[in-house]
Amino acid sequence: MKIFVTKYALTQGIIEEEAFLLPCESEIYGYYDRGEVTFYYPSEYSVTRDKAIQKANQMRQDKINFLLEQIGKLENLRFE
């Protein structure tokens, strides 16, 4: 099954992987990479490209809001 990984969306973009559903879990997917299995939990992937784009855009906006908050704190910081 094809999944769209959003775990690293802000650094590597949305990654499209051919993954398989783990037999012991209903929503955890894995894929083989150089002989090792990598797992993705439901919060780290989407099953459609549109949902992955929505998730990545939300992650982007959350990061912008966090950085704006940090900028505000630094602007209010005074050394006297």
C-alpha atoms as a PDB file:
ATOM      1  CA  MET A   1       0.000   0.000   0.000  1.00  0.00           C
ATOM      2  CA  LYS A   2       1.197   3.494  -0.749  1.00  0.00           C
ATOM      3  CA  ILE A   3       1.448   5.919   2.195  1.00  0.00           C
ATOM      4  CA  PHE A   4       2.549   9.550   2.376  1.00  0.00           C
ATOM      5  CA  VAL A   5       4.907  10.159   5.278  1.00  0.00           C
ATOM      6  CA  THR A   6       4.595  13.585   6.901  1.00  0.00           C
ATOM      7  CA  LYS A   7       6.893  12.925   9.862  1.00  0.00           C
ATOM      8  CA  TYR A   8       9.746  14.834   8.189  1.00  0.00           C
ATOM      9  CA  ALA A   9       7.622  17.196   6.087  1.00  0.00           C
ATOM     10  CA  LEU A  10       9.286  20.375   7.359  1.00  0.00           C
ATOM     11  CA  THR A  11      12.800  19.150   6.622  1.00  0.00           C
ATOM     12  CA  GLN A  12      12.525  16.620   3.778  1.00  0.00           C
ATOM     13  CA  GLY A  13       9.046  17.187   2.376  1.00  0.00           C
ATOM     14  CA  ILE A  14       6.295  14.600   2.029  1.00  0.00           C
ATOM     15  CA  ILE A  15       7.803  11.179   1.350  1.00  0.00           C
ATOM     16  CA  GLU A  16       5.867   8.611  -0.667  1.00  0.00           C
ATOM     17  CA  GLU A  17       6.576   5.038   0.451  1.00  0.00           C
ATOM     18  CA  GLU A  18       5.334   1.631  -0.572  1.00  0.00           C
ATOM     19  CA  ALA A  19       4.562   0.185   2.865  1.00  0.00           C
ATOM     20  CA  PHE A  20       2.878  -2.823   4.389  1.00  0.00           C
ATOM     21  CA  LEU A  21       0.479  -3.050   7.304  1.00  0.00           C
ATOM     22  CA  LEU A  22       2.072  -4.800  10.250  1.00  0.00           C
ATOM     23  CA  PRO A  23       0.270  -8.037  11.068  1.00  0.00           C
ATOM     24  CA  CYS A  24       0.102  -7.352  14.804  1.00  0.00           C
ATOM     25  CA  GLU A  25      -1.120  -3.723  14.573  1.00  0.00           C
ATOM     26  CA  SER A  26      -4.071  -2.275  12.705  1.00  0.00           C
ATOM     27  CA  GLU A  27      -2.710   1.207  11.908  1.00  0.00           C
ATOM     28  CA  ILE A  28       1.081   0.896  11.984  1.00  0.00           C
ATOM     29  CA  TYR A  29       2.831   0.626   8.625  1.00  0.00           C
ATOM     30  CA  GLY A  30       6.368  -0.370   7.867  1.00  0.00           C
ATOM     31  CA  TYR A  31       8.681  -0.509   4.893  1.00  0.00           C
ATOM     32  CA  TYR A  32      11.997  -2.158   4.148  1.00  0.00           C
ATOM     33  CA  ASP A  33      15.032   0.072   3.786  1.00  0.00           C
ATOM     34  CA  ARG A  34      18.397  -1.606   3.230  1.00  0.00           C
ATOM     35  CA  GLY A  35      17.307  -4.763   5.039  1.00  0.00           C
ATOM     36  CA  GLU A  36      15.764  -2.952   8.006  1.00  0.00           C
ATOM     37  CA  VAL A  37      12.107  -2.266   8.708  1.00  0.00           C
ATOM     38  CA  THR A  38      11.068   1.322   9.444  1.00  0.00           C
ATOM     39  CA  PHE A  39       7.739   1.861  11.215  1.00  0.00           C
ATOM     40  CA  TYR A  40       5.284   4.731  10.868  1.00  0.00           C
ATOM     41  CA  TYR A  41       2.558   5.419  13.396  1.00  0.00           C
ATOM     42  CA  PRO A  42      -0.800   6.986  12.414  1.00  0.00           C
ATOM     43  CA  SER A  43       0.302  10.513  13.354  1.00  0.00           C
ATOM     44  CA  GLU A  44       3.304  10.240  11.005  1.00  0.00           C
ATOM     45  CA  TYR A  45       1.598   9.365   7.695  1.00  0.00           C
ATOM     46  CA  SER A  46      -1.529   9.802   5.596  1.00  0.00           C
ATOM     47  CA  VAL A  47      -3.072   7.404   3.117  1.00  0.00           C
ATOM     48  CA  THR A  48      -3.898  10.112   0.562  1.00  0.00           C
ATOM     49  CA  ARG A  49      -1.739  12.870  -0.882  1.00  0.00           C
ATOM     50  CA  ASP A  50      -4.397  15.517  -0.134  1.00  0.00           C
ATOM     51  CA  LYS A  51      -4.499  14.639   3.570  1.00  0.00           C
ATOM     52  CA  ALA A  52      -0.697  14.612   3.683  1.00  0.00           C
ATOM     53  CA  ILE A  53      -0.591  18.098   2.158  1.00  0.00           C
ATOM     54  CA  GLN A  54      -3.162  19.348   4.685  1.00  0.00           C
ATOM     55  CA  LYS A  55      -1.143  17.837   7.536  1.00  0.00           C
ATOM     56  CA  ALA A  56       2.130  19.321   6.231  1.00  0.00           C
ATOM     57  CA  ASN A  57       0.534  22.758   5.862  1.00  0.00           C
ATOM     58  CA  GLN A  58      -0.775  22.539   9.436  1.00  0.00           C
ATOM     59  CA  MET A  59       2.674  21.510  10.685  1.00  0.00           C
ATOM     60  CA  ARG A  60       4.161  24.474   8.801  1.00  0.00           C
ATOM     61  CA  GLN A  61       1.671  26.918  10.300  1.00  0.00           C
ATOM     62  CA  ASP A  62       2.226  25.515  13.804  1.00  0.00           C
ATOM     63  CA  LYS A  63       5.992  25.981  13.383  1.00  0.00           C
ATOM     64  CA  ILE A  64       5.513  29.561  12.146  1.00  0.00           C
ATOM     65  CA  ASN A  65       3.299  30.347  15.154  1.00  0.00           C
ATOM     66  CA  PHE A  66       5.866  28.823  17.516  1.00  0.00           C
ATOM     67  CA  LEU A  67       8.686  30.848  15.964  1.00  0.00           C
ATOM     68  CA  LEU A  68       6.653  34.074  16.087  1.00  0.00           C
ATOM     69  CA  GLU A  69       6.030  33.424  19.779  1.00  0.00           C
ATOM     70  CA  GLN A  70       9.752  32.906  20.332  1.00  0.00           C
ATOM     71  CA  ILE A  71      10.547  36.123  18.411  1.00  0.00           C
ATOM     72  CA  GLY A  72       8.073  38.007  20.614  1.00  0.00           C
ATOM     73  CA  LYS A  73       9.762  36.694  23.743  1.00  0.00           C
ATOM     74  CA  LEU A  74      13.179  37.713  22.454  1.00  0.00           C
ATOM     75  CA  GLU A  75      11.942  41.195  21.468  1.00  0.00           C
ATOM     76  CA  ASN A  76      10.582  41.725  24.976  1.00  0.00           C
ATOM     77  CA  LEU A  77      13.820  40.592  26.583  1.00  0.00           C
ATOM     78  CA  ARG A  78      15.800  43.546  27.956  1.00  0.00           C
ATOM     79  CA  PHE A  79      19.230  43.628  29.491  1.00  0.00           C
ATOM     80  CA  GLU A  80      19.759  46.709  31.620  1.00  0.00           C
END
